PDB file of N, CA and C in Angstrom:
ATOM      1  N   MET A   1      -2.566 -30.280 325.688  1.00  0.00           N
ATOM      2  CA  MET A   1      -1.497 -29.376 325.255  1.00  0.00           C
ATOM      3  C   MET A   1      -0.203 -30.178 325.133  1.00  0.00           C
ATOM      4  N   LYS A   2       0.473 -29.994 324.038  1.00  0.00           N
ATOM      5  CA  LYS A   2       1.722 -30.704 323.781  1.00  0.00           C
ATOM      6  C   LYS A   2       2.874 -30.021 324.502  1.00  0.00           C
ATOM      7  N   LYS A   3       3.902 -30.810 324.788  1.00  0.00           N
ATOM      8  CA  LYS A   3       5.112 -30.265 325.407  1.00  0.00           C
ATOM      9  C   LYS A   3       5.857 -29.405 324.395  1.00  0.00           C
ATOM     10  N   LYS A   4       6.602 -28.429 324.902  1.00  0.00           N
ATOM     11  CA  LYS A   4       7.384 -27.556 324.038  1.00  0.00           C
ATOM     12  C   LYS A   4       8.691 -28.253 323.668  1.00  0.00           C
ATOM     13  N   ILE A   5       9.045 -28.207 322.381  1.00  0.00           N
ATOM     14  CA  ILE A   5      10.296 -28.811 321.914  1.00  0.00           C
ATOM     15  C   ILE A   5      11.448 -27.938 322.384  1.00  0.00           C
ATOM     16  N   PRO A   6      12.427 -28.533 323.064  1.00  0.00           N
ATOM     17  CA  PRO A   6      13.550 -27.720 323.560  1.00  0.00           C
ATOM     18  C   PRO A   6      14.452 -27.230 322.437  1.00  0.00           C
ATOM     19  N   LYS A   7      15.258 -26.222 322.741  1.00  0.00           N
ATOM     20  CA  LYS A   7      16.291 -25.748 321.814  1.00  0.00           C
ATOM     21  C   LYS A   7      17.489 -26.675 321.964  1.00  0.00           C
ATOM     22  N   PHE A   8      18.130 -26.986 320.852  1.00  0.00           N
ATOM     23  CA  PHE A   8      19.257 -27.914 320.877  1.00  0.00           C
ATOM     24  C   PHE A   8      20.538 -27.188 320.521  1.00  0.00           C
ATOM     25  N   ALA A   9      21.617 -27.563 321.185  1.00  0.00           N
ATOM     26  CA  ALA A   9      22.921 -26.941 320.938  1.00  0.00           C
ATOM     27  C   ALA A   9      23.467 -27.339 319.570  1.00  0.00           C
ATOM     28  N   ASN A  10      23.136 -28.561 319.135  1.00  0.00           N
ATOM     29  CA  ASN A  10      23.638 -29.048 317.848  1.00  0.00           C
ATOM     30  C   ASN A  10      22.798 -30.243 317.400  1.00  0.00           C
ATOM     31  N   GLU A  11      23.094 -30.758 316.217  1.00  0.00           N
ATOM     32  CA  GLU A  11      22.326 -31.880 315.674  1.00  0.00           C
ATOM     33  C   GLU A  11      22.486 -33.142 316.507  1.00  0.00           C
ATOM     34  N   ASP A  12      23.669 -33.360 317.067  1.00  0.00           N
ATOM     35  CA  ASP A  12      23.880 -34.554 317.892  1.00  0.00           C
ATOM     36  C   ASP A  12      22.977 -34.526 319.121  1.00  0.00           C
ATOM     37  N   ALA A  13      22.836 -33.355 319.734  1.00  0.00           N
ATOM     38  CA  ALA A  13      21.966 -33.227 320.906  1.00  0.00           C
ATOM     39  C   ALA A  13      20.508 -33.476 320.520  1.00  0.00           C
ATOM     40  N   GLU A  14      20.109 -32.948 319.359  1.00  0.00           N
ATOM     41  CA  GLU A  14      18.737 -33.156 318.895  1.00  0.00           C
ATOM     42  C   GLU A  14      18.490 -34.626 318.566  1.00  0.00           C
ATOM     43  N   ARG A  15      19.445 -35.257 317.905  1.00  0.00           N
ATOM     44  CA  ARG A  15      19.330 -36.672 317.551  1.00  0.00           C
ATOM     45  C   ARG A  15      19.179 -37.527 318.817  1.00  0.00           C
ATOM     46  N   LYS A  16      19.992 -37.219 319.830  1.00  0.00           N
ATOM     47  CA  LYS A  16      19.933 -37.962 321.098  1.00  0.00           C
ATOM     48  C   LYS A  16      18.563 -37.764 321.766  1.00  0.00           C
ATOM     49  N   PHE A  17      18.084 -36.533 321.756  1.00  0.00           N
ATOM     50  CA  PHE A  17      16.788 -36.231 322.367  1.00  0.00           C
ATOM     51  C   PHE A  17      15.680 -37.056 321.733  1.00  0.00           C
ATOM     52  N   TRP A  18      15.596 -37.026 320.377  1.00  0.00           N
ATOM     53  CA  TRP A  18      14.509 -37.736 319.702  1.00  0.00           C
ATOM     54  C   TRP A  18      14.652 -39.248 319.804  1.00  0.00           C
ATOM     55  N   ALA A  19      15.858 -39.727 319.994  1.00  0.00           N
ATOM     56  CA  ALA A  19      16.062 -41.176 320.189  1.00  0.00           C
ATOM     57  C   ALA A  19      15.514 -41.622 321.539  1.00  0.00           C
ATOM     58  N   GLU A  20      15.422 -40.689 322.480  1.00  0.00           N
ATOM     59  CA  GLU A  20      15.004 -41.025 323.849  1.00  0.00           C
ATOM     60  C   GLU A  20      13.598 -40.556 324.200  1.00  0.00           C
ATOM     61  N   HIS A  21      12.939 -39.798 323.306  1.00  0.00           N
ATOM     62  CA  HIS A  21      11.622 -39.249 323.605  1.00  0.00           C
ATOM     63  C   HIS A  21      10.619 -39.607 322.517  1.00  0.00           C
ATOM     64  N   ASP A  22       9.359 -39.696 322.913  1.00  0.00           N
ATOM     65  CA  ASP A  22       8.265 -39.988 321.995  1.00  0.00           C
ATOM     66  C   ASP A  22       7.794 -38.683 321.364  1.00  0.00           C
ATOM     67  N   SER A  23       7.883 -38.588 320.040  1.00  0.00           N
ATOM     68  CA  SER A  23       7.519 -37.344 319.355  1.00  0.00           C
ATOM     69  C   SER A  23       6.050 -36.987 319.522  1.00  0.00           C
ATOM     70  N   THR A  24       5.190 -37.971 319.777  1.00  0.00           N
ATOM     71  CA  THR A  24       3.760 -37.674 319.919  1.00  0.00           C
ATOM     72  C   THR A  24       3.463 -36.826 321.152  1.00  0.00           C
ATOM     73  N   GLU A  25       4.401 -36.743 322.084  1.00  0.00           N
ATOM     74  CA  GLU A  25       4.232 -35.870 323.246  1.00  0.00           C
ATOM     75  C   GLU A  25       4.516 -34.413 322.888  1.00  0.00           C
ATOM     76  N   TYR A  26       5.131 -34.186 321.729  1.00  0.00           N
ATOM     77  CA  TYR A  26       5.554 -32.845 321.320  1.00  0.00           C
ATOM     78  C   TYR A  26       4.887 -32.358 320.041  1.00  0.00           C
ATOM     79  N   ILE A  27       4.427 -33.280 319.213  1.00  0.00           N
ATOM     80  CA  ILE A  27       3.898 -32.932 317.900  1.00  0.00           C
ATOM     81  C   ILE A  27       2.547 -33.598 317.699  1.00  0.00           C
ATOM     82  N   ASP A  28       1.586 -32.831 317.198  1.00  0.00           N
ATOM     83  CA  ASP A  28       0.271 -33.382 316.861  1.00  0.00           C
ATOM     84  C   ASP A  28       0.330 -33.873 315.420  1.00  0.00           C
ATOM     85  N   TRP A  29       0.649 -35.146 315.246  1.00  0.00           N
ATOM     86  CA  TRP A  29       0.843 -35.703 313.918  1.00  0.00           C
ATOM     87  C   TRP A  29      -0.441 -35.749 313.098  1.00  0.00           C
ATOM     88  N   SER A  30      -1.614 -35.599 313.735  1.00  0.00           N
ATOM     89  CA  SER A  30      -2.867 -35.596 312.968  1.00  0.00           C
ATOM     90  C   SER A  30      -2.979 -34.347 312.097  1.00  0.00           C
ATOM     91  N   LYS A  31      -2.214 -33.312 312.420  1.00  0.00           N
ATOM     92  CA  LYS A  31      -2.221 -32.073 311.628  1.00  0.00           C
ATOM     93  C   LYS A  31      -1.088 -32.041 310.601  1.00  0.00           C
ATOM     94  N   ALA A  32      -0.314 -33.091 310.539  1.00  0.00           N
ATOM     95  CA  ALA A  32       0.821 -33.136 309.615  1.00  0.00           C
ATOM     96  C   ALA A  32       0.325 -33.255 308.179  1.00  0.00           C
ATOM     97  N   LYS A  33       1.078 -32.668 307.262  1.00  0.00           N
ATOM     98  CA  LYS A  33       0.759 -32.746 305.844  1.00  0.00           C
ATOM     99  C   LYS A  33       1.933 -33.351 305.109  1.00  0.00           C
ATOM    100  N   ARG A  34       1.627 -34.158 304.094  1.00  0.00           N
ATOM    101  CA  ARG A  34       2.669 -34.749 303.257  1.00  0.00           C
ATOM    102  C   ARG A  34       3.265 -33.677 302.362  1.00  0.00           C
ATOM    103  N   VAL A  35       4.579 -33.703 302.253  1.00  0.00           N
ATOM    104  CA  VAL A  35       5.272 -32.799 301.348  1.00  0.00           C
ATOM    105  C   VAL A  35       6.300 -33.595 300.560  1.00  0.00           C
ATOM    106  N   ILE A  36       6.677 -33.057 299.431  1.00  0.00           N
ATOM    107  CA  ILE A  36       7.689 -33.698 298.590  1.00  0.00           C
ATOM    108  C   ILE A  36       8.865 -32.743 298.468  1.00  0.00           C
ATOM    109  N   PHE A  37      10.049 -33.252 298.678  1.00  0.00           N
ATOM    110  CA  PHE A  37      11.277 -32.487 298.524  1.00  0.00           C
ATOM    111  C   PHE A  37      11.986 -33.009 297.277  1.00  0.00           C
ATOM    112  N   PRO A  38      11.665 -32.473 296.103  1.00  0.00           N
ATOM    113  CA  PRO A  38      12.181 -33.050 294.865  1.00  0.00           C
ATOM    114  C   PRO A  38      13.693 -32.930 294.691  1.00  0.00           C
ATOM    115  N   ASN A  39      14.303 -31.947 295.331  1.00  0.00           N
ATOM    116  CA  ASN A  39      15.743 -31.747 295.134  1.00  0.00           C
ATOM    117  C   ASN A  39      16.578 -32.222 296.315  1.00  0.00           C
ATOM    118  N   LEU A  40      15.944 -32.945 297.232  1.00  0.00           N
ATOM    119  CA  LEU A  40      16.657 -33.423 298.407  1.00  0.00           C
ATOM    120  C   LEU A  40      17.595 -34.554 298.012  1.00  0.00           C
ATOM    121  N   LYS A  41      18.836 -34.413 298.348  1.00  0.00           N
ATOM    122  CA  LYS A  41      19.836 -35.437 298.034  1.00  0.00           C
ATOM    123  C   LYS A  41      20.187 -36.183 299.323  1.00  0.00           C
ATOM    124  N   PRO A  42      20.216 -37.516 299.274  1.00  0.00           N
ATOM    125  CA  PRO A  42      20.608 -38.247 300.478  1.00  0.00           C
ATOM    126  C   PRO A  42      22.067 -37.961 300.817  1.00  0.00           C
ATOM    127  N   SER A  43      22.344 -37.920 302.099  1.00  0.00           N
ATOM    128  CA  SER A  43      23.734 -37.689 302.488  1.00  0.00           C
ATOM    129  C   SER A  43      24.563 -38.907 302.090  1.00  0.00           C
ATOM    130  N   THR A  44      25.777 -38.647 301.689  1.00  0.00           N
ATOM    131  CA  THR A  44      26.658 -39.728 301.258  1.00  0.00           C
ATOM    132  C   THR A  44      27.972 -39.646 302.001  1.00  0.00           C
ATOM    133  N   LYS A  45      28.687 -40.727 301.980  1.00  0.00           N
ATOM    134  CA  LYS A  45      30.001 -40.792 302.594  1.00  0.00           C
ATOM    135  C   LYS A  45      30.930 -41.477 301.608  1.00  0.00           C
ATOM    136  N   THR A  46      32.072 -40.878 301.400  1.00  0.00           N
ATOM    137  CA  THR A  46      33.054 -41.455 300.488  1.00  0.00           C
ATOM    138  C   THR A  46      33.763 -42.609 301.183  1.00  0.00           C
ATOM    139  N   ILE A  47      33.893 -43.712 300.460  1.00  0.00           N
ATOM    140  CA  ILE A  47      34.626 -44.859 300.992  1.00  0.00           C
ATOM    141  C   ILE A  47      35.651 -45.304 299.955  1.00  0.00           C
ATOM    142  N   SER A  48      36.586 -46.086 300.415  1.00  0.00           N
ATOM    143  CA  SER A  48      37.554 -46.695 299.511  1.00  0.00           C
ATOM    144  C   SER A  48      37.245 -48.183 299.477  1.00  0.00           C
ATOM    145  N   LEU A  49      37.163 -48.719 298.285  1.00  0.00           N
ATOM    146  CA  LEU A  49      36.780 -50.117 298.129  1.00  0.00           C
ATOM    147  C   LEU A  49      37.727 -50.786 297.146  1.00  0.00           C
ATOM    148  N   ARG A  50      38.328 -51.861 297.554  1.00  0.00           N
ATOM    149  CA  ARG A  50      39.228 -52.599 296.672  1.00  0.00           C
ATOM    150  C   ARG A  50      38.444 -53.748 296.037  1.00  0.00           C
ATOM    151  N   LEU A  51      38.480 -53.766 294.706  1.00  0.00           N
ATOM    152  CA  LEU A  51      37.800 -54.815 293.948  1.00  0.00           C
ATOM    153  C   LEU A  51      38.802 -55.522 293.057  1.00  0.00           C
ATOM    154  N   PRO A  52      38.585 -56.794 292.808  1.00  0.00           N
ATOM    155  CA  PRO A  52      39.431 -57.466 291.825  1.00  0.00           C
ATOM    156  C   PRO A  52      39.279 -56.766 290.470  1.00  0.00           C
ATOM    157  N   LYS A  53      40.388 -56.643 289.741  1.00  0.00           N
ATOM    158  CA  LYS A  53      40.368 -55.933 288.451  1.00  0.00           C
ATOM    159  C   LYS A  53      39.317 -56.513 287.511  1.00  0.00           C
ATOM    160  N   ALA A  54      39.214 -57.821 287.455  1.00  0.00           N
ATOM    161  CA  ALA A  54      38.252 -58.458 286.548  1.00  0.00           C
ATOM    162  C   ALA A  54      36.815 -58.065 286.908  1.00  0.00           C
ATOM    163  N   LEU A  55      36.510 -58.019 288.187  1.00  0.00           N
ATOM    164  CA  LEU A  55      35.168 -57.628 288.622  1.00  0.00           C
ATOM    165  C   LEU A  55      34.890 -56.170 288.250  1.00  0.00           C
ATOM    166  N   LEU A  56      35.857 -55.305 288.459  1.00  0.00           N
ATOM    167  CA  LEU A  56      35.698 -53.899 288.102  1.00  0.00           C
ATOM    168  C   LEU A  56      35.481 -53.735 286.599  1.00  0.00           C
ATOM    169  N   GLU A  57      36.223 -54.487 285.802  1.00  0.00           N
ATOM    170  CA  GLU A  57      36.065 -54.404 284.342  1.00  0.00           C
ATOM    171  C   GLU A  57      34.674 -54.891 283.921  1.00  0.00           C
ATOM    172  N   GLN A  58      34.186 -55.948 284.549  1.00  0.00           N
ATOM    173  CA  GLN A  58      32.839 -56.436 284.240  1.00  0.00           C
ATOM    174  C   GLN A  58      31.788 -55.393 284.618  1.00  0.00           C
ATOM    175  N   LEU A  59      31.977 -54.774 285.767  1.00  0.00           N
ATOM    176  CA  LEU A  59      31.060 -53.733 286.217  1.00  0.00           C
ATOM    177  C   LEU A  59      31.049 -52.556 285.233  1.00  0.00           C
ATOM    178  N   LYS A  60      32.230 -52.156 284.784  1.00  0.00           N
ATOM    179  CA  LYS A  60      32.320 -51.055 283.822  1.00  0.00           C
ATOM    180  C   LYS A  60      31.656 -51.413 282.502  1.00  0.00           C
ATOM    181  N   LEU A  61      31.797 -52.648 282.080  1.00  0.00           N
ATOM    182  CA  LEU A  61      31.174 -53.105 280.841  1.00  0.00           C
ATOM    183  C   LEU A  61      29.649 -53.065 280.958  1.00  0.00           C
ATOM    184  N   LEU A  62      29.129 -53.574 282.060  1.00  0.00           N
ATOM    185  CA  LEU A  62      27.678 -53.535 282.282  1.00  0.00           C
ATOM    186  C   LEU A  62      27.174 -52.094 282.332  1.00  0.00           C
ATOM    187  N   ALA A  63      27.920 -51.242 283.012  1.00  0.00           N
ATOM    188  CA  ALA A  63      27.526 -49.836 283.127  1.00  0.00           C
ATOM    189  C   ALA A  63      27.510 -49.171 281.754  1.00  0.00           C
ATOM    190  N   HIS A  64      28.510 -49.484 280.946  1.00  0.00           N
ATOM    191  CA  HIS A  64      28.581 -48.922 279.596  1.00  0.00           C
ATOM    192  C   HIS A  64      27.368 -49.349 278.772  1.00  0.00           C
ATOM    193  N   LYS A  65      26.983 -50.616 278.882  1.00  0.00           N
ATOM    194  CA  LYS A  65      25.822 -51.118 278.150  1.00  0.00           C
ATOM    195  C   LYS A  65      24.547 -50.403 278.576  1.00  0.00           C
ATOM    196  N   ARG A  66      24.483 -49.983 279.841  1.00  0.00           N
ATOM    197  CA  ARG A  66      23.293 -49.298 280.363  1.00  0.00           C
ATOM    198  C   ARG A  66      23.424 -47.779 280.281  1.00  0.00           C
ATOM    199  N   ASP A  67      24.580 -47.328 279.809  1.00  0.00           N
ATOM    200  CA  ASP A  67      24.851 -45.898 279.670  1.00  0.00           C
ATOM    201  C   ASP A  67      24.728 -45.152 281.005  1.00  0.00           C
ATOM    202  N   VAL A  68      25.323 -45.744 282.037  1.00  0.00           N
ATOM    203  CA  VAL A  68      25.383 -45.099 283.359  1.00  0.00           C
ATOM    204  C   VAL A  68      26.816 -45.196 283.870  1.00  0.00           C
ATOM    205  N   PRO A  69      27.215 -44.298 284.765  1.00  0.00           N
ATOM    206  CA  PRO A  69      28.538 -44.423 285.374  1.00  0.00           C
ATOM    207  C   PRO A  69      28.633 -45.713 286.198  1.00  0.00           C
ATOM    208  N   TYR A  70      29.794 -46.328 286.204  1.00  0.00           N
ATOM    209  CA  TYR A  70      29.908 -47.604 286.913  1.00  0.00           C
ATOM    210  C   TYR A  70      29.690 -47.454 288.410  1.00  0.00           C
ATOM    211  N   GLN A  71      30.058 -46.292 288.976  1.00  0.00           N
ATOM    212  CA  GLN A  71      29.834 -46.092 290.415  1.00  0.00           C
ATOM    213  C   GLN A  71      28.335 -46.085 290.719  1.00  0.00           C
ATOM    214  N   SER A  72      27.551 -45.480 289.827  1.00  0.00           N
ATOM    215  CA  SER A  72      26.095 -45.452 290.021  1.00  0.00           C
ATOM    216  C   SER A  72      25.513 -46.855 289.927  1.00  0.00           C
ATOM    217  N   LEU A  73      25.996 -47.631 288.966  1.00  0.00           N
ATOM    218  CA  LEU A  73      25.517 -48.998 288.820  1.00  0.00           C
ATOM    219  C   LEU A  73      25.873 -49.830 290.049  1.00  0.00           C
ATOM    220  N   LEU A  74      27.063 -49.633 290.567  1.00  0.00           N
ATOM    221  CA  LEU A  74      27.476 -50.354 291.771  1.00  0.00           C
ATOM    222  C   LEU A  74      26.559 -50.008 292.945  1.00  0.00           C
ATOM    223  N   LYS A  75      26.193 -48.732 293.095  1.00  0.00           N
ATOM    224  CA  LYS A  75      25.268 -48.334 294.169  1.00  0.00           C
ATOM    225  C   LYS A  75      23.904 -48.987 293.993  1.00  0.00           C
ATOM    226  N   ILE A  76      23.440 -49.055 292.742  1.00  0.00           N
ATOM    227  CA  ILE A  76      22.151 -49.698 292.472  1.00  0.00           C
ATOM    228  C   ILE A  76      22.214 -51.179 292.860  1.00  0.00           C
ATOM    229  N   PHE A  77      23.271 -51.858 292.418  1.00  0.00           N
ATOM    230  CA  PHE A  77      23.420 -53.278 292.739  1.00  0.00           C
ATOM    231  C   PHE A  77      23.485 -53.502 294.249  1.00  0.00           C
ATOM    232  N   LEU A  78      24.246 -52.679 294.942  1.00  0.00           N
ATOM    233  CA  LEU A  78      24.362 -52.823 296.397  1.00  0.00           C
ATOM    234  C   LEU A  78      23.020 -52.594 297.084  1.00  0.00           C
ATOM    235  N   ALA A  79      22.312 -51.541 296.676  1.00  0.00           N
ATOM    236  CA  ALA A  79      21.018 -51.236 297.288  1.00  0.00           C
ATOM    237  C   ALA A  79      20.027 -52.372 297.085  1.00  0.00           C
ATOM    238  N   GLU A  80      20.001 -52.932 295.863  1.00  0.00           N
ATOM    239  CA  GLU A  80      19.092 -54.044 295.579  1.00  0.00           C
ATOM    240  C   GLU A  80      19.418 -55.257 296.444  1.00  0.00           C
ATOM    241  N   ARG A  81      20.695 -55.561 296.553  1.00  0.00           N
ATOM    242  CA  ARG A  81      21.087 -56.736 297.327  1.00  0.00           C
ATOM    243  C   ARG A  81      20.840 -56.550 298.817  1.00  0.00           C
ATOM    244  N   VAL A  82      21.118 -55.370 299.316  1.00  0.00           N
ATOM    245  CA  VAL A  82      20.864 -55.105 300.739  1.00  0.00           C
ATOM    246  C   VAL A  82      19.372 -55.242 301.025  1.00  0.00           C
ATOM    247  N   GLU A  83      18.533 -54.715 300.138  1.00  0.00           N
ATOM    248  CA  GLU A  83      17.088 -54.847 300.316  1.00  0.00           C
ATOM    249  C   GLU A  83      16.672 -56.318 300.314  1.00  0.00           C
ATOM    250  N   GLN A  84      17.223 -57.106 299.386  1.00  0.00           N
ATOM    251  CA  GLN A  84      16.917 -58.538 299.337  1.00  0.00           C
ATOM    252  C   GLN A  84      17.307 -59.228 300.637  1.00  0.00           C
ATOM    253  N   GLU A  85      18.467 -58.896 301.152  1.00  0.00           N
ATOM    254  CA  GLU A  85      18.935 -59.525 302.389  1.00  0.00           C
ATOM    255  C   GLU A  85      18.031 -59.171 303.566  1.00  0.00           C
ATOM    256  N   PHE A  86      17.588 -57.915 303.631  1.00  0.00           N
ATOM    257  CA  PHE A  86      16.679 -57.529 304.705  1.00  0.00           C
ATOM    258  C   PHE A  86      15.356 -58.258 304.578  1.00  0.00           C
ATOM    259  N   GLU A  87      14.843 -58.392 303.359  1.00  0.00           N
ATOM    260  CA  GLU A  87      13.588 -59.124 303.145  1.00  0.00           C
ATOM    261  C   GLU A  87      13.744 -60.582 303.528  1.00  0.00           C
ATOM    262  N   ARG A  88      14.887 -61.146 303.221  1.00  0.00           N
ATOM    263  CA  ARG A  88      15.144 -62.562 303.502  1.00  0.00           C
ATOM    264  C   ARG A  88      15.298 -62.825 304.998  1.00  0.00           C
ATOM    265  N   THR A  89      15.885 -61.873 305.710  1.00  0.00           N
ATOM    266  CA  THR A  89      16.199 -62.098 307.121  1.00  0.00           C
ATOM    267  C   THR A  89      15.206 -61.477 308.086  1.00  0.00           C
ATOM    268  N   THR A  90      14.273 -60.665 307.561  1.00  0.00           N
ATOM    269  CA  THR A  90      13.263 -60.065 308.430  1.00  0.00           C
ATOM    270  C   THR A  90      12.068 -60.990 308.512  1.00  0.00           C
ATOM    271  N   PRO A  91      11.710 -61.398 309.749  1.00  0.00           N
ATOM    272  CA  PRO A  91      10.565 -62.301 309.870  1.00  0.00           C
ATOM    273  C   PRO A  91       9.275 -61.595 309.446  1.00  0.00           C
ATOM    274  N   THR A  92       8.432 -62.343 308.745  1.00  0.00           N
ATOM    275  CA  THR A  92       7.130 -61.809 308.327  1.00  0.00           C
ATOM    276  C   THR A  92       6.073 -62.338 309.271  1.00  0.00           C
ATOM    277  N   PRO A  93       5.081 -61.487 309.600  1.00  0.00           N
ATOM    278  CA  PRO A  93       4.013 -61.955 310.501  1.00  0.00           C
ATOM    279  C   PRO A  93       3.176 -63.031 309.814  1.00  0.00           C
ATOM    280  N   HIS A  94       2.786 -64.016 310.595  1.00  0.00           N
ATOM    281  CA  HIS A  94       1.961 -65.104 310.067  1.00  0.00           C
ATOM    282  C   HIS A  94       0.498 -64.700 310.130  1.00  0.00           C
ATOM    283  N   LYS A  95      -0.231 -64.989 309.062  1.00  0.00           N
ATOM    284  CA  LYS A  95      -1.659 -64.700 309.033  1.00  0.00           C
ATOM    285  C   LYS A  95      -2.411 -65.942 309.459  1.00  0.00           C
ATOM    286  N   SER A  96      -3.483 -65.734 310.223  1.00  0.00           N
ATOM    287  CA  SER A  96      -4.291 -66.867 310.697  1.00  0.00           C
ATOM    288  C   SER A  96      -5.322 -67.242 309.699  1.00  0.00           C
TER     289      SER A  96
END
Protein backbone atom coordinates (compact mmCIF):
# COMPACT_ATOMS: atom_id res chain seq x y z
CA MET A 1 0.00 0.00 0.00
CA LYS A 2 1.35 3.39 -0.98
CA LYS A 3 1.56 6.33 1.39
CA LYS A 4 -1.11 9.01 1.12
CA ILE A 5 0.02 12.26 -0.53
CA PRO A 6 -0.42 15.10 1.96
CA LYS A 7 -2.39 18.28 1.29
CA PHE A 8 -0.15 21.25 0.59
CA ALA A 9 -0.72 24.85 1.64
CA ASN A 10 0.84 26.14 -1.58
CA GLU A 11 3.08 25.21 -4.52
CA ASP A 12 6.26 26.06 -2.61
CA ALA A 13 5.33 23.58 0.13
CA GLU A 14 4.56 20.91 -2.47
CA ARG A 15 7.81 21.60 -4.34
CA LYS A 16 9.79 21.29 -1.09
CA PHE A 17 8.01 18.04 -0.20
CA TRP A 18 8.76 16.36 -3.54
CA ALA A 19 12.37 17.56 -3.44
CA GLU A 20 12.79 15.69 -0.14
CA HIS A 21 10.67 12.57 -0.75
CA ASP A 22 10.76 9.64 -3.16
CA SER A 23 7.61 9.67 -5.31
CA THR A 24 7.66 5.87 -5.65
CA GLU A 25 6.55 5.66 -2.00
CA TYR A 26 3.37 7.56 -2.94
CA ILE A 27 2.66 6.74 -6.58
CA ASP A 28 2.54 3.43 -8.45
CA TRP A 29 4.33 4.54 -11.61
CA SER A 30 3.67 1.16 -13.29
CA LYS A 31 0.04 2.30 -13.72
CA ALA A 32 1.02 5.66 -15.20
CA LYS A 33 -0.07 6.49 -18.74
CA ARG A 34 1.61 8.83 -21.20
CA VAL A 35 -0.39 11.91 -22.07
CA ILE A 36 0.22 14.85 -24.36
CA PHE A 37 -0.61 18.42 -23.41
CA PRO A 38 -0.65 20.11 -26.82
CA ASN A 39 -1.51 23.58 -25.53
CA LEU A 40 0.83 23.62 -22.55
CA LYS A 41 3.05 26.68 -22.62
CA PRO A 42 6.32 26.70 -20.69
CA SER A 43 6.46 29.30 -17.99
CA THR A 44 8.52 32.31 -18.94
CA LYS A 45 10.15 35.19 -17.16
CA THR A 46 10.72 38.61 -18.65
CA ILE A 47 14.29 39.82 -18.52
CA SER A 48 16.11 42.91 -19.67
CA LEU A 49 19.12 42.28 -21.85
CA ARG A 50 21.53 44.86 -23.22
CA LEU A 51 23.04 43.98 -26.58
CA PRO A 52 25.41 45.90 -28.79
CA LYS A 53 23.38 47.68 -31.50
CA ALA A 54 25.28 45.92 -34.29
CA LEU A 55 24.55 42.49 -32.81
CA LEU A 56 20.86 43.34 -32.43
CA GLU A 57 20.69 44.54 -36.05
CA GLN A 58 22.34 41.31 -37.25
CA LEU A 59 19.88 39.28 -35.20
CA LYS A 60 16.95 41.21 -36.67
CA LEU A 61 18.28 40.67 -40.18
CA LEU A 62 18.62 36.92 -39.65
CA ALA A 63 15.14 36.78 -38.12
CA HIS A 64 13.70 38.68 -41.08
CA LYS A 65 15.30 36.21 -43.50
CA ARG A 66 13.68 33.34 -41.57
CA ASP A 67 10.38 35.21 -41.20
CA VAL A 68 10.34 34.92 -37.40
CA PRO A 69 10.37 37.55 -34.66
CA TYR A 70 13.90 38.35 -33.54
CA GLN A 71 13.06 37.55 -29.91
CA SER A 72 11.99 34.05 -30.96
CA LEU A 73 15.17 33.56 -32.95
CA LEU A 74 17.24 34.70 -29.98
CA LYS A 75 15.49 32.12 -27.76
CA ILE A 76 16.19 29.41 -30.33
CA PHE A 77 19.87 30.38 -30.53
CA LEU A 78 20.20 30.47 -26.74
CA ALA A 79 18.47 27.11 -26.29
CA GLU A 80 20.71 25.47 -28.90
CA ARG A 81 23.86 26.85 -27.35
CA VAL A 82 22.88 25.94 -23.81
CA GLU A 83 22.17 22.38 -24.98
CA GLN A 84 25.58 22.24 -26.70
CA GLU A 85 27.31 23.43 -23.55
CA PHE A 86 25.56 20.82 -21.42
CA GLU A 87 26.52 18.09 -23.90
CA ARG A 88 30.10 19.32 -23.92
CA THR A 89 30.42 19.54 -20.14
CA THR A 90 28.38 16.50 -19.11
CA PRO A 91 30.56 13.42 -18.77
CA THR A 92 29.45 10.47 -20.89
CA PRO A 93 29.68 6.93 -19.51
CA HIS A 94 32.47 4.86 -21.01
CA LYS A 95 31.52 1.60 -22.69
CA SER A 96 33.68 -1.46 -22.11
